[in-house]
Every structure is written in C-alpha cells, then in structure tokens.
Amino acid sequence: MIKLSAVVIAFNEERCIEKCLKSVAPVADDIVVVDSFSTDATPSLCRAFRARLFQRAFEGHIEQKNFALDLAEHSFVISLDADEALSPELQDSILKAKAGWKAGAYAMNRRNFYCGKWIRRCGWYPDRKVRLWDRRRGRWGGVNPHDRVIMEKGSRLAFLKGDILHDTYGSPGEHLAQARSFAGIAARSLRQRGRVRNALSMLLDPPFRFLRAYLFKGGFLEGRAGWRISLVSAYEVFLKYRSAMKGAP
C-alpha cells in the first residue's frame, strides 16, 4: 500500500479546519497545513490535531498550494482547502486507491453547501476536481484564483466515487465578499497576461453567466439560493472586467 500525504491550505478557518483534518486522518499517513498567518484559532487547532503546521504569507492560490505540495513527506498526495472534507464514501475509495494505485491522478466530485443547503445545480455539481495524484507527475497551475492540477502528458486519470464536501458560504454577504475578492485576483491575472477585455465583454458576459447558471444549469430549481448564486456569479464577472479595464489593484 502506498503512503499518502494530505496537504491543506488555510486562513481563519477555525469553523471548518477540524472537520477537514478529521476527514483526512483515516486515509493520510502525513498531514501538512500551510496557514496564511490566521488571526483566529486555526493554528492552535492544527497543532492540537498534531498536523505539521507551516505559516507563509499568501501570494496566490497556486503558489500557496504548490508550496504545501513541496512539504509533503510522500509522493502521493490528497489536496484540500480547509473548508473541504472527505465524505465516508470518498474515504473508502481513497483507501482502495492506496491499496492498488492504478493512475497518475484521480478525480472526484465536489458537493457544495451554501447558506444551509446542498446545491446540486447552477453548475455547482458534480464540480469534478483532481485532488489525489502523484506529485512527481503534476503540480498546481491554471489562473488565480481558479487553480487546477496539471498533470504531465500521458498521465492516466481515473475517477473515485464519493464527494468532497465543500462548506462554501454561511450567508449571502460572505458570498458577495468572496466574489469581490476573487474578481480582484482574476483582474490582476488578466492584466498580467495582457488579456483585458473590452467594454462589450463587460456588458454581455455577465448576463450570459447569469442565464447559464440560472436557466441552462437549472439554478431556478434551487429556489432563492439558485437566484443568489447565479446573480453573484454574474456580478463577479462584471467586477473582474471592470477592474481589469480600470487597472485597479
């Protein structure tokens, strides 16, 4: 059976971090947490759990996750954010993968909990993610804040049953604040890559994003939560383009 490291990034996640660590404990032989100098009880909770805790200023999601990756004791890793946890079914699937590793990487579904409700529409489920892989063959890449694992060419990808349980936002206000933050990060990435859109994109893309989530992806079936998710998603796109065009930090 292979040895597995769990790598987690965190910042002010005292509400979720214990659930995250308890969920990876049955499958991991090593647990690493990289904390962005939390001001709440996150560090002490990690130490009490006997996770290996490191603190580092946050420079970006991709950069932080790759830093955590390099601290893992083992070549095979499961990567989570602090507000995520493994379902019992996914734990079983990971244990089976450890006993008979057959791929370069494994993908799994992520189920999102929003304002007291599990969301299965709006494009939020199955929300498939690669989170279990051989770190010698892949690293975090993509564009901040929307990072993804990029495997070397020829790596075999398999799928595991079970869900990553993602505790997203406790209130619409939290969602809106995160959307503003993500829009700023995405705008900086656009400017760095020289891909600033024009005013037409700023006007047309947000309504399309809303219609895609609310109508085409079934958000209307989620009631008020689906409406909020779709609206904030469109607003985030608008803010991203406006910030990129204005050159705002």
Protein backbone atom coordinates (compact mmCIF):
# COMPACT_ATOMS: atom_id res chain seq x y z
CA MET A 1 0.00 0.00 0.00
CA ILE A 2 1.32 3.44 -0.89
CA LYS A 3 1.93 6.18 1.69
CA LEU A 4 -0.22 9.30 1.31
CA SER A 5 0.26 12.91 2.42
CA ALA A 6 -2.69 15.24 2.94
CA VAL A 7 -1.87 18.88 2.13
CA VAL A 8 -4.21 21.67 3.26
CA ILE A 9 -4.10 25.45 2.91
CA ALA A 10 -5.92 27.61 5.45
CA PHE A 11 -6.63 31.13 6.62
CA ASN A 12 -9.00 31.91 9.51
CA GLU A 13 -10.81 28.59 9.17
CA GLU A 14 -11.47 27.71 12.82
CA ARG A 15 -15.07 26.85 11.90
CA CYS A 16 -14.06 24.16 9.39
CA ILE A 17 -10.47 23.04 9.94
CA GLU A 18 -11.19 20.28 12.49
CA LYS A 19 -13.78 18.68 10.21
CA CYS A 20 -11.29 18.80 7.35
CA LEU A 21 -8.45 17.24 9.35
CA LYS A 22 -10.66 14.55 10.89
CA SER A 23 -11.84 13.54 7.43
CA VAL A 24 -8.32 13.04 6.04
CA ALA A 25 -6.92 11.32 9.14
CA PRO A 26 -8.25 7.83 8.19
CA VAL A 27 -6.57 7.95 4.76
CA ALA A 28 -3.40 10.03 5.28
CA ASP A 29 -0.04 8.95 6.66
CA ASP A 30 1.11 12.56 6.90
CA ILE A 31 -0.87 15.82 7.26
CA VAL A 32 0.55 19.21 6.27
CA VAL A 33 -1.24 22.52 6.83
CA VAL A 34 0.07 25.78 5.35
CA ASP A 35 -1.57 28.67 7.16
CA SER A 36 -1.53 32.28 5.92
CA PHE A 37 -0.98 33.72 9.42
CA SER A 38 -4.54 33.23 10.67
CA THR A 39 -5.73 35.56 13.43
CA ASP A 40 -8.24 33.08 14.83
CA ALA A 41 -7.80 29.64 16.44
CA THR A 42 -6.84 27.86 13.21
CA PRO A 43 -3.12 27.38 14.10
CA SER A 44 -3.81 26.08 17.60
CA LEU A 45 -6.45 23.67 16.32
CA CYS A 46 -3.97 22.30 13.79
CA ARG A 47 -1.28 21.87 16.42
CA ALA A 48 -3.73 20.11 18.74
CA PHE A 49 -4.51 17.72 15.91
CA ARG A 50 -0.75 17.11 15.50
CA ALA A 51 -0.72 18.21 11.89
CA ARG A 52 2.58 19.60 10.64
CA LEU A 53 1.86 23.33 10.58
CA PHE A 54 3.73 25.87 8.48
CA GLN A 55 2.95 29.56 8.12
CA ARG A 56 3.56 31.56 4.96
CA ALA A 57 2.24 34.86 3.61
CA PHE A 58 -0.39 34.29 0.94
CA GLU A 59 0.89 35.12 -2.56
CA GLY A 60 -1.81 33.35 -4.56
CA HIS A 61 -3.77 30.12 -4.53
CA ILE A 62 -1.47 28.36 -6.99
CA GLU A 63 1.69 29.49 -5.23
CA GLN A 64 0.38 28.54 -1.78
CA LYS A 65 -0.77 25.10 -2.86
CA ASN A 66 2.49 24.28 -4.63
CA PHE A 67 4.41 25.40 -1.54
CA ALA A 68 2.31 22.99 0.54
CA LEU A 69 2.87 20.27 -2.04
CA ASP A 70 6.63 20.55 -1.65
CA LEU A 71 6.33 20.00 2.12
CA ALA A 72 4.63 16.62 1.77
CA GLU A 73 6.60 13.64 3.07
CA HIS A 74 5.22 11.29 0.43
CA SER A 75 4.97 11.40 -3.36
CA PHE A 76 1.25 10.62 -3.38
CA VAL A 77 -0.95 13.47 -2.13
CA ILE A 78 -4.55 14.40 -1.41
CA SER A 79 -5.05 18.18 -1.51
CA LEU A 80 -7.88 20.06 0.19
CA ASP A 81 -8.79 23.57 1.21
CA ALA A 82 -9.58 24.00 4.90
CA ASP A 83 -13.32 24.36 4.20
CA GLU A 84 -13.45 20.97 2.47
CA ALA A 85 -13.80 17.46 3.88
CA LEU A 86 -13.96 13.90 2.54
CA SER A 87 -17.25 12.04 2.59
CA PRO A 88 -17.18 8.50 4.09
CA GLU A 89 -17.67 7.02 0.61
CA LEU A 90 -14.74 9.02 -0.73
CA GLN A 91 -12.58 7.93 2.20
CA ASP A 92 -13.29 4.30 1.27
CA SER A 93 -12.49 4.99 -2.39
CA ILE A 94 -9.16 6.60 -1.46
CA LEU A 95 -8.20 3.65 0.74
CA LYS A 96 -8.89 1.32 -2.19
CA ALA A 97 -6.78 3.51 -4.47
CA LYS A 98 -3.94 3.38 -1.93
CA ALA A 99 -4.09 -0.40 -1.87
CA GLY A 100 -3.99 -0.69 -5.66
CA TRP A 101 -2.74 2.53 -7.27
CA LYS A 102 -3.52 2.44 -11.00
CA ALA A 103 -3.42 6.04 -12.27
CA GLY A 104 -1.33 9.17 -12.32
CA ALA A 105 -4.22 11.08 -10.79
CA TYR A 106 -7.75 10.59 -9.51
CA ALA A 107 -10.69 12.95 -9.92
CA MET A 108 -13.75 13.13 -7.67
CA ASN A 109 -16.94 15.15 -7.39
CA ARG A 110 -17.29 18.14 -5.07
CA ARG A 111 -20.63 18.90 -3.40
CA ASN A 112 -21.14 22.49 -2.24
CA PHE A 113 -23.03 23.56 0.89
CA TYR A 114 -24.40 27.09 0.53
CA CYS A 115 -26.26 29.06 3.19
CA GLY A 116 -27.59 25.92 4.85
CA LYS A 117 -28.39 23.98 1.68
CA TRP A 118 -26.62 21.44 -0.53
CA ILE A 119 -26.56 22.76 -4.10
CA ARG A 120 -26.81 20.32 -7.00
CA ARG A 121 -27.46 22.76 -9.84
CA CYS A 122 -26.17 26.16 -11.06
CA GLY A 123 -23.14 24.29 -12.43
CA TRP A 124 -22.07 23.58 -8.83
CA TYR A 125 -22.41 19.81 -9.04
CA PRO A 126 -20.76 17.47 -9.82
CA ASP A 127 -17.97 20.11 -9.89
CA ARG A 128 -15.38 17.43 -10.65
CA LYS A 129 -11.85 18.04 -9.30
CA VAL A 130 -8.46 16.29 -9.47
CA ARG A 131 -7.27 16.18 -5.86
CA LEU A 132 -5.42 12.86 -5.49
CA TRP A 133 -2.27 12.37 -7.53
CA ASP A 134 1.40 11.54 -7.79
CA ARG A 135 3.09 14.91 -7.21
CA ARG A 136 6.10 13.79 -9.24
CA ARG A 137 3.84 13.94 -12.30
CA GLY A 138 1.72 17.01 -11.67
CA ARG A 139 1.51 20.39 -9.95
CA TRP A 140 -0.96 23.19 -9.41
CA GLY A 141 -1.44 25.54 -12.35
CA GLY A 142 -4.20 27.43 -14.12
CA VAL A 143 -5.04 31.06 -13.39
CA ASN A 144 -5.58 32.51 -9.91
CA PRO A 145 -7.99 32.21 -8.19
CA HIS A 146 -9.23 29.29 -10.31
CA ASP A 147 -6.37 26.84 -9.84
CA ARG A 148 -6.26 23.28 -11.14
CA VAL A 149 -3.92 20.31 -11.09
CA ILE A 150 -1.97 19.96 -14.34
CA MET A 151 -0.52 16.52 -14.97
CA GLU A 152 2.33 15.69 -17.30
CA LYS A 153 1.42 14.43 -20.75
CA GLY A 154 0.40 10.79 -20.84
CA SER A 155 -0.75 10.60 -17.21
CA ARG A 156 -3.75 8.34 -16.74
CA LEU A 157 -6.76 9.87 -14.99
CA ALA A 158 -9.26 7.74 -13.04
CA PHE A 159 -12.42 8.61 -11.12
CA LEU A 160 -13.30 7.88 -7.48
CA LYS A 161 -16.76 7.51 -6.01
CA GLY A 162 -17.74 9.81 -3.17
CA ASP A 163 -17.71 13.58 -2.71
CA ILE A 164 -15.52 16.34 -1.41
CA LEU A 165 -17.88 18.19 0.94
CA HIS A 166 -17.31 21.93 0.48
CA ASP A 167 -18.69 24.30 3.13
CA THR A 168 -18.85 27.44 0.98
CA TYR A 169 -20.67 30.44 2.50
CA GLY A 170 -22.76 30.81 5.62
CA SER A 171 -24.52 33.91 4.33
CA PRO A 172 -25.09 35.82 1.06
CA GLY A 173 -22.85 38.56 2.47
CA GLU A 174 -19.91 36.12 2.73
CA HIS A 175 -20.52 35.04 -0.86
CA LEU A 176 -20.56 38.62 -2.10
CA ALA A 177 -17.36 39.48 -0.23
CA GLN A 178 -15.58 36.45 -1.69
CA ALA A 179 -16.83 37.33 -5.19
CA ARG A 180 -15.31 40.80 -4.86
CA SER A 181 -12.03 39.32 -3.67
CA PHE A 182 -11.91 36.72 -6.46
CA ALA A 183 -12.80 39.37 -9.06
CA GLY A 184 -9.82 41.45 -7.99
CA ILE A 185 -7.46 38.47 -8.17
CA ALA A 186 -8.80 37.44 -11.59
CA ALA A 187 -8.49 41.01 -12.89
CA ARG A 188 -4.81 41.12 -11.93
CA SER A 189 -4.27 37.81 -13.71
CA LEU A 190 -5.95 39.17 -16.85
CA ARG A 191 -3.75 42.25 -16.87
CA GLN A 192 -0.58 40.23 -16.27
CA ARG A 193 -1.42 38.05 -19.27
CA GLY A 194 -2.43 41.03 -21.43
CA ARG A 195 -5.97 39.71 -21.83
CA VAL A 196 -8.04 42.70 -20.70
CA ARG A 197 -11.47 42.55 -22.33
CA ASN A 198 -13.33 45.47 -23.88
CA ALA A 199 -16.47 47.22 -22.66
CA LEU A 200 -18.67 44.96 -24.80
CA SER A 201 -17.47 41.90 -22.91
CA MET A 202 -18.16 43.64 -19.61
CA LEU A 203 -21.75 44.26 -20.73
CA LEU A 204 -22.51 40.93 -22.42
CA ASP A 205 -20.62 38.29 -20.42
CA PRO A 206 -22.31 38.88 -17.02
CA PRO A 207 -25.89 38.38 -18.35
CA PHE A 208 -24.73 35.25 -20.17
CA ARG A 209 -23.15 33.95 -16.97
CA PHE A 210 -26.42 34.54 -15.10
CA LEU A 211 -28.54 32.81 -17.76
CA ARG A 212 -26.13 29.89 -17.94
CA ALA A 213 -26.30 29.24 -14.20
CA TYR A 214 -29.95 30.08 -13.60
CA LEU A 215 -31.61 28.65 -16.71
CA PHE A 216 -29.28 26.30 -18.56
CA LYS A 217 -27.76 24.77 -15.39
CA GLY A 218 -31.07 24.58 -13.52
CA GLY A 219 -30.43 27.21 -10.87
CA PHE A 220 -34.11 28.15 -10.85
CA LEU A 221 -34.84 24.74 -9.31
CA GLU A 222 -32.73 25.68 -6.26
CA GLY A 223 -35.13 28.47 -5.25
CA ARG A 224 -33.74 31.63 -3.68
CA ALA A 225 -30.29 30.07 -3.30
CA GLY A 226 -30.09 29.42 -7.05
CA TRP A 227 -31.08 33.01 -7.79
CA ARG A 228 -28.41 34.38 -5.45
CA ILE A 229 -25.67 32.11 -6.76
CA SER A 230 -26.45 32.98 -10.37
CA LEU A 231 -26.65 36.71 -9.65
CA VAL A 232 -23.40 36.85 -7.67
CA SER A 233 -21.65 34.79 -10.35
CA ALA A 234 -22.66 37.36 -12.97
CA TYR A 235 -21.66 40.23 -10.70
CA GLU A 236 -18.21 38.71 -10.16
CA VAL A 237 -17.64 38.59 -13.93
CA PHE A 238 -18.69 42.24 -14.24
CA LEU A 239 -16.35 43.31 -11.42
CA LYS A 240 -13.47 41.31 -12.92
CA TYR A 241 -13.69 43.04 -16.30
CA ARG A 242 -14.33 46.48 -14.84
CA SER A 243 -11.33 46.17 -12.51
CA ALA A 244 -9.09 44.87 -15.30
CA MET A 245 -10.09 47.71 -17.64
CA LYS A 246 -9.53 50.38 -14.99
CA GLY A 247 -6.25 48.90 -13.84
CA ALA A 248 -7.49 48.71 -10.26
CA PRO A 249 -5.29 46.74 -7.83
